[in-house]
């Protein structure tokens, strides 16, 4: 078979310095504005650029390595350019694409291809869930428990400039500071984000919290959800390893995918979730997201 020809990515815009970046913005609803670029504003984010055809298509994902060792530095220029177009079109932000592009340029060993796709897709799903709860007046601070590199928190801090975003993990990775420095160097201050180094179970959640827990193994998800429910907080969790005996005694005689889906359903039921959604299973086979809290108004829910 011949080499697959990739569409020309719109690369030039990814590396230019933004002319003006407001320091604060209200929530942005992206579910109803697919394939449009949202401009951050001091008021409601309703300004958009002209609609343009999308370059990124779902089948292009097969062009990228999804093993845990593949770094951004492993991509050739064409695939890097297309990947940045994916970020721009998925987040509806040239500025976020510029930040990711600069990270790939300056810190290519601190960003894995798989983790970038995983984070951007989680941002799309969870960001919309936060927007729906924020619009109903239920969110003032977002906690990203077991945040790892912290990129999801940074993306959410950009989108929700008037919400506090707190990343929490046992160790503050150098990647987080690299990402933050790049954003600030491009004129995006992200003054609403902070990092707590320690065990998230030792925190006390304030009112109107939103708890996120992505791929915390075994008891990690359970601890996060129990904290969220006890504090009457909204939550989003993407479980990873789910050992027998944590939520129920055992799931037997099924393959791994069925076992995972069944276990996630049990977790959702135990913690009063209102929705289960997913990111592309080609990125990770631990791809189900549980959303909890008051059921969003039907006019908001996507």
Protein backbone atom coordinates (compact mmCIF):
# COMPACT_ATOMS: atom_id res chain seq x y z
CA UNK A 1 0.00 0.00 0.00
CA UNK A 2 1.15 3.51 -0.78
CA UNK A 3 1.67 6.14 1.88
CA UNK A 4 -1.53 7.85 3.03
CA UNK A 5 -1.60 11.48 1.96
CA UNK A 6 -2.52 13.86 4.78
CA UNK A 7 -4.45 17.07 4.17
CA UNK A 8 -2.44 20.25 4.43
CA UNK A 9 -2.62 21.53 8.01
CA UNK A 10 -3.04 25.21 8.76
CA UNK A 11 0.33 25.46 10.46
CA UNK A 12 1.30 29.14 10.31
CA UNK A 13 -1.31 30.29 12.85
CA UNK A 14 -0.08 27.87 15.49
CA UNK A 15 3.19 29.58 16.23
CA UNK A 16 2.30 33.25 16.09
CA UNK A 17 2.07 35.27 19.28
CA UNK A 18 -1.52 36.27 20.08
CA UNK A 19 -2.08 39.97 19.53
CA UNK A 20 -4.36 40.28 22.56
CA UNK A 21 -5.35 37.79 25.23
CA UNK A 22 -7.86 38.93 27.87
CA UNK A 23 -6.90 37.67 31.34
CA UNK A 24 -10.43 36.61 32.25
CA UNK A 25 -13.20 34.89 30.37
CA UNK A 26 -16.52 33.34 31.19
CA UNK A 27 -17.40 29.75 30.39
CA UNK A 28 -17.50 28.75 26.75
CA UNK A 29 -20.12 26.36 25.39
CA UNK A 30 -18.41 24.46 22.58
CA UNK A 31 -20.93 21.69 22.00
CA UNK A 32 -23.22 23.90 19.90
CA UNK A 33 -20.38 25.60 18.02
CA UNK A 34 -18.51 22.79 16.33
CA UNK A 35 -16.04 23.84 13.64
CA UNK A 36 -16.11 27.47 14.70
CA UNK A 37 -13.37 29.36 16.49
CA UNK A 38 -14.50 30.88 19.78
CA UNK A 39 -12.87 34.15 20.80
CA UNK A 40 -12.38 34.61 24.55
CA UNK A 41 -14.15 37.71 25.82
CA UNK A 42 -14.80 39.57 29.06
CA UNK A 43 -18.51 38.80 28.66
CA UNK A 44 -20.33 35.70 27.43
CA UNK A 45 -18.30 33.94 24.77
CA UNK A 46 -20.55 34.42 21.77
CA UNK A 47 -18.18 35.93 19.20
CA UNK A 48 -17.04 33.51 16.51
CA UNK A 49 -14.99 33.62 13.37
CA UNK A 50 -16.49 32.57 10.08
CA UNK A 51 -17.23 28.86 9.92
CA UNK A 52 -14.69 26.93 7.90
CA UNK A 53 -14.48 23.29 6.83
CA UNK A 54 -12.76 21.01 9.33
CA UNK A 55 -9.37 19.60 8.34
CA UNK A 56 -9.19 16.94 11.06
CA UNK A 57 -11.18 13.76 10.49
CA UNK A 58 -11.57 10.89 12.98
CA UNK A 59 -9.87 8.33 10.72
CA UNK A 60 -6.67 10.38 10.84
CA UNK A 61 -6.09 9.14 14.39
CA UNK A 62 -4.65 5.94 12.93
CA UNK A 63 -1.66 7.95 11.67
CA UNK A 64 -0.43 8.46 15.26
CA UNK A 65 1.34 6.09 17.66
CA UNK A 66 -0.67 5.39 20.82
CA UNK A 67 1.97 3.57 22.83
CA UNK A 68 2.97 5.22 26.09
CA UNK A 69 6.54 5.92 24.92
CA UNK A 70 5.75 7.94 21.78
CA UNK A 71 6.70 11.58 22.31
CA UNK A 72 5.82 14.69 20.32
CA UNK A 73 9.46 14.73 19.25
CA UNK A 74 8.87 11.47 17.38
CA UNK A 75 6.43 13.09 14.93
CA UNK A 76 7.51 14.43 11.56
CA UNK A 77 6.63 18.01 10.67
CA UNK A 78 3.57 17.06 8.63
CA UNK A 79 1.97 15.00 11.38
CA UNK A 80 2.88 17.56 14.00
CA UNK A 81 1.19 20.27 11.94
CA UNK A 82 -1.93 18.15 11.50
CA UNK A 83 -1.97 17.34 15.22
CA UNK A 84 -1.91 21.05 16.07
CA UNK A 85 -4.78 21.60 13.65
CA UNK A 86 -6.65 18.88 15.57
CA UNK A 87 -6.01 20.78 18.83
CA UNK A 88 -7.19 24.03 17.25
CA UNK A 89 -10.38 22.53 15.82
CA UNK A 90 -11.23 20.45 18.88
CA UNK A 91 -10.67 23.19 21.46
CA UNK A 92 -11.85 25.93 19.09
CA UNK A 93 -8.81 27.99 20.04
CA UNK A 94 -5.82 29.11 18.01
CA UNK A 95 -4.17 30.19 21.26
CA UNK A 96 -4.31 26.72 22.80
CA UNK A 97 -2.92 25.26 19.59
CA UNK A 98 -0.13 27.84 19.75
CA UNK A 99 0.65 26.81 23.33
CA UNK A 100 0.81 23.12 22.42
CA UNK A 101 2.92 23.93 19.38
CA UNK A 102 5.40 25.87 21.49
CA UNK A 103 5.55 23.05 24.04
CA UNK A 104 6.32 20.61 21.23
CA UNK A 105 9.04 22.97 20.04
CA UNK A 106 10.69 23.69 23.39
CA UNK A 107 9.86 20.65 25.53
CA UNK A 108 9.22 17.77 23.12
CA UNK A 109 10.31 15.16 25.70
CA UNK A 110 7.69 16.37 28.17
CA UNK A 111 4.61 15.64 26.09
CA UNK A 112 3.49 12.21 24.90
CA UNK A 113 1.31 11.85 21.82
CA UNK A 114 -1.16 9.52 23.54
CA UNK A 115 -1.44 11.81 26.57
CA UNK A 116 -2.12 14.83 24.39
CA UNK A 117 -4.99 13.12 22.57
CA UNK A 118 -6.31 11.72 25.84
CA UNK A 119 -6.19 15.12 27.52
CA UNK A 120 -7.78 17.07 24.68
CA UNK A 121 -10.62 14.56 24.33
CA UNK A 122 -11.20 14.55 28.10
CA UNK A 123 -11.16 18.35 28.01
CA UNK A 124 -13.86 18.36 25.35
CA UNK A 125 -16.17 16.01 27.28
CA UNK A 126 -15.50 17.23 30.80
CA UNK A 127 -15.24 20.88 29.84
CA UNK A 128 -18.76 20.77 28.47
CA UNK A 129 -20.00 19.07 31.65
CA UNK A 130 -18.38 21.79 33.76
CA UNK A 131 -19.92 24.46 31.55
CA UNK A 132 -23.40 23.02 32.09
CA UNK A 133 -22.97 22.98 35.87
CA UNK A 134 -21.27 26.39 35.93
CA UNK A 135 -24.12 27.89 33.95
CA UNK A 136 -26.50 26.63 36.64
CA UNK A 137 -24.40 28.37 39.31
CA UNK A 138 -22.94 25.17 40.81
CA UNK A 139 -19.20 25.57 40.13
CA UNK A 140 -16.65 28.02 41.49
CA UNK A 141 -13.54 25.87 41.78
CA UNK A 142 -12.32 22.85 39.78
CA UNK A 143 -10.05 20.22 41.33
CA UNK A 144 -8.00 17.89 39.13
CA UNK A 145 -7.05 15.04 41.46
CA UNK A 146 -4.07 12.82 40.58
CA UNK A 147 -3.42 15.34 37.81
CA UNK A 148 -0.06 13.99 36.61
CA UNK A 149 1.40 16.47 34.11
CA UNK A 150 -1.45 18.90 34.77
CA UNK A 151 -2.23 19.68 31.14
CA UNK A 152 -5.97 19.11 31.57
CA UNK A 153 -6.04 21.63 34.40
CA UNK A 154 -4.21 24.16 32.24
CA UNK A 155 -6.69 23.76 29.39
CA UNK A 156 -9.62 24.17 31.77
CA UNK A 157 -8.03 27.21 33.42
CA UNK A 158 -7.79 28.77 29.97
CA UNK A 159 -11.41 28.04 29.09
CA UNK A 160 -12.86 29.02 32.47
CA UNK A 161 -10.94 32.15 33.37
CA UNK A 162 -13.25 33.08 36.24
CA UNK A 163 -13.04 29.68 37.93
CA UNK A 164 -10.19 28.61 40.18
CA UNK A 165 -8.48 25.44 38.98
CA UNK A 166 -6.45 23.42 41.48
CA UNK A 167 -4.20 20.60 40.28
CA UNK A 168 -3.32 18.03 42.95
CA UNK A 169 -0.83 15.18 42.94
CA UNK A 170 1.77 13.61 45.19
CA UNK A 171 4.60 15.15 43.18
CA UNK A 172 4.71 18.27 41.04
CA UNK A 173 6.12 17.17 37.70
CA UNK A 174 8.50 19.47 35.80
CA UNK A 175 6.15 19.21 32.80
CA UNK A 176 3.52 21.30 34.57
CA UNK A 177 5.91 24.21 35.07
CA UNK A 178 7.14 23.92 31.49
CA UNK A 179 3.57 24.08 30.17
CA UNK A 180 2.68 27.02 32.41
CA UNK A 181 5.83 28.93 31.43
CA UNK A 182 5.06 28.44 27.74
CA UNK A 183 1.50 29.71 28.15
CA UNK A 184 2.64 32.78 30.06
CA UNK A 185 5.40 33.40 27.54
CA UNK A 186 2.71 33.58 24.85
CA UNK A 187 0.78 36.17 26.83
CA UNK A 188 -1.71 33.82 28.51
CA UNK A 189 -1.19 34.43 32.26
CA UNK A 190 -3.46 31.66 33.64
CA UNK A 191 -3.54 33.37 37.02
CA UNK A 192 -6.47 31.21 38.09
CA UNK A 193 -4.50 27.93 38.29
CA UNK A 194 -2.55 26.54 41.24
CA UNK A 195 -0.86 23.28 42.20
CA UNK A 196 -1.07 21.41 45.51
CA UNK A 197 1.63 18.83 46.12
CA UNK A 198 0.28 16.11 48.41
CA UNK A 199 -2.46 13.55 48.91
CA UNK A 200 -5.79 14.85 47.62
CA UNK A 201 -7.64 12.96 50.36
CA UNK A 202 -6.25 15.44 52.87
CA UNK A 203 -8.02 18.38 51.22
CA UNK A 204 -11.34 19.83 52.30
CA UNK A 205 -13.57 20.65 49.34
CA UNK A 206 -15.27 24.06 49.50
CA UNK A 207 -18.85 24.60 48.33
CA UNK A 208 -19.44 24.58 44.57
CA UNK A 209 -16.47 22.35 43.82
CA UNK A 210 -16.08 20.25 40.69
CA UNK A 211 -13.89 17.16 41.12
CA UNK A 212 -12.02 15.54 38.22
CA UNK A 213 -10.17 12.25 38.52
CA UNK A 214 -8.60 10.82 35.35
CA UNK A 215 -7.05 7.34 35.43
CA UNK A 216 -6.39 7.19 39.15
CA UNK A 217 -5.78 3.50 39.80
CA UNK A 218 -7.88 1.28 42.02
CA UNK A 219 -8.85 3.11 45.24
CA UNK A 220 -7.91 6.51 43.78
CA UNK A 221 -11.17 6.89 41.88
CA UNK A 222 -13.18 5.61 44.84
CA UNK A 223 -11.56 8.12 47.22
CA UNK A 224 -12.17 11.00 44.80
CA UNK A 225 -15.82 10.13 44.25
CA UNK A 226 -16.49 9.63 47.95
CA UNK A 227 -15.03 13.08 48.63
CA UNK A 228 -17.14 14.62 45.87
CA UNK A 229 -20.37 13.02 47.04
CA UNK A 230 -19.71 13.93 50.69
CA UNK A 231 -19.16 17.56 49.69
CA UNK A 232 -22.18 17.62 47.34
CA UNK A 233 -19.74 18.41 44.54
CA UNK A 234 -20.14 17.69 40.84
CA UNK A 235 -17.60 15.28 39.43
CA UNK A 236 -16.08 13.65 36.36
CA UNK A 237 -14.08 10.44 36.61
CA UNK A 238 -12.40 8.23 34.01
CA UNK A 239 -11.56 5.04 35.91
CA UNK A 240 -8.46 3.05 35.02
CA UNK A 241 -7.56 -0.08 36.97
CA UNK A 242 -10.58 -1.46 38.84
CA UNK A 243 -9.53 -4.31 41.09
CA UNK A 244 -12.06 -6.88 42.27
CA UNK A 245 -13.35 -6.17 45.75
CA UNK A 246 -13.30 -2.36 45.59
CA UNK A 247 -16.83 -1.80 44.32
CA UNK A 248 -18.18 -5.35 44.17
CA UNK A 249 -16.79 -8.78 44.89
CA UNK A 250 -16.00 -9.96 41.37
CA UNK A 251 -16.84 -9.80 37.66
CA UNK A 252 -16.26 -13.21 36.09
CA UNK A 253 -16.19 -14.98 32.72
CA UNK A 254 -16.12 -11.90 30.46
CA UNK A 255 -13.40 -10.29 28.38
CA UNK A 256 -11.53 -7.18 29.54
CA UNK A 257 -13.66 -4.64 27.67
CA UNK A 258 -16.90 -6.05 29.04
CA UNK A 259 -15.45 -6.25 32.53
CA UNK A 260 -14.34 -2.62 32.39
CA UNK A 261 -17.69 -1.40 31.08
CA UNK A 262 -19.58 -3.38 33.72
CA UNK A 263 -17.37 -2.08 36.51
CA UNK A 264 -17.81 1.52 35.34
CA UNK A 265 -21.57 0.98 35.35
CA UNK A 266 -21.39 -0.27 38.94
CA UNK A 267 -19.35 2.79 39.96
CA UNK A 268 -21.80 5.13 38.25
CA UNK A 269 -24.70 3.52 40.08
CA UNK A 270 -23.00 3.58 43.47
CA UNK A 271 -22.14 7.29 43.24
CA UNK A 272 -25.33 8.61 41.65
CA UNK A 273 -23.96 9.52 38.22
CA UNK A 274 -26.31 11.12 35.73
CA UNK A 275 -24.34 10.21 32.62
CA UNK A 276 -21.63 7.96 31.20
CA UNK A 277 -19.80 9.22 28.13
CA UNK A 278 -16.54 8.26 26.41
CA UNK A 279 -13.52 9.33 24.42
CA UNK A 280 -12.25 7.40 21.39
CA UNK A 281 -11.33 3.85 22.39
CA UNK A 282 -8.37 3.89 19.99
CA UNK A 283 -6.65 6.35 22.32
CA UNK A 284 -7.17 4.27 25.46
CA UNK A 285 -9.23 1.23 26.32
CA UNK A 286 -9.97 2.88 29.67
CA UNK A 287 -12.07 5.49 27.94
CA UNK A 288 -15.36 5.79 29.85
CA UNK A 289 -16.17 8.99 31.74
CA UNK A 290 -18.64 9.11 34.62
CA UNK A 291 -20.38 12.44 35.23
CA UNK A 292 -22.06 13.18 38.55
CA UNK A 293 -23.95 15.95 40.27
CA UNK A 294 -27.37 17.48 39.69
CA UNK A 295 -28.75 16.59 36.27
CA UNK A 296 -28.08 19.59 33.97
CA UNK A 297 -31.02 21.38 32.44
CA UNK A 298 -32.09 19.74 29.18
CA UNK A 299 -31.33 22.93 27.27
CA UNK A 300 -27.69 22.78 28.44
CA UNK A 301 -26.86 19.09 28.40
CA UNK A 302 -24.96 17.82 25.36
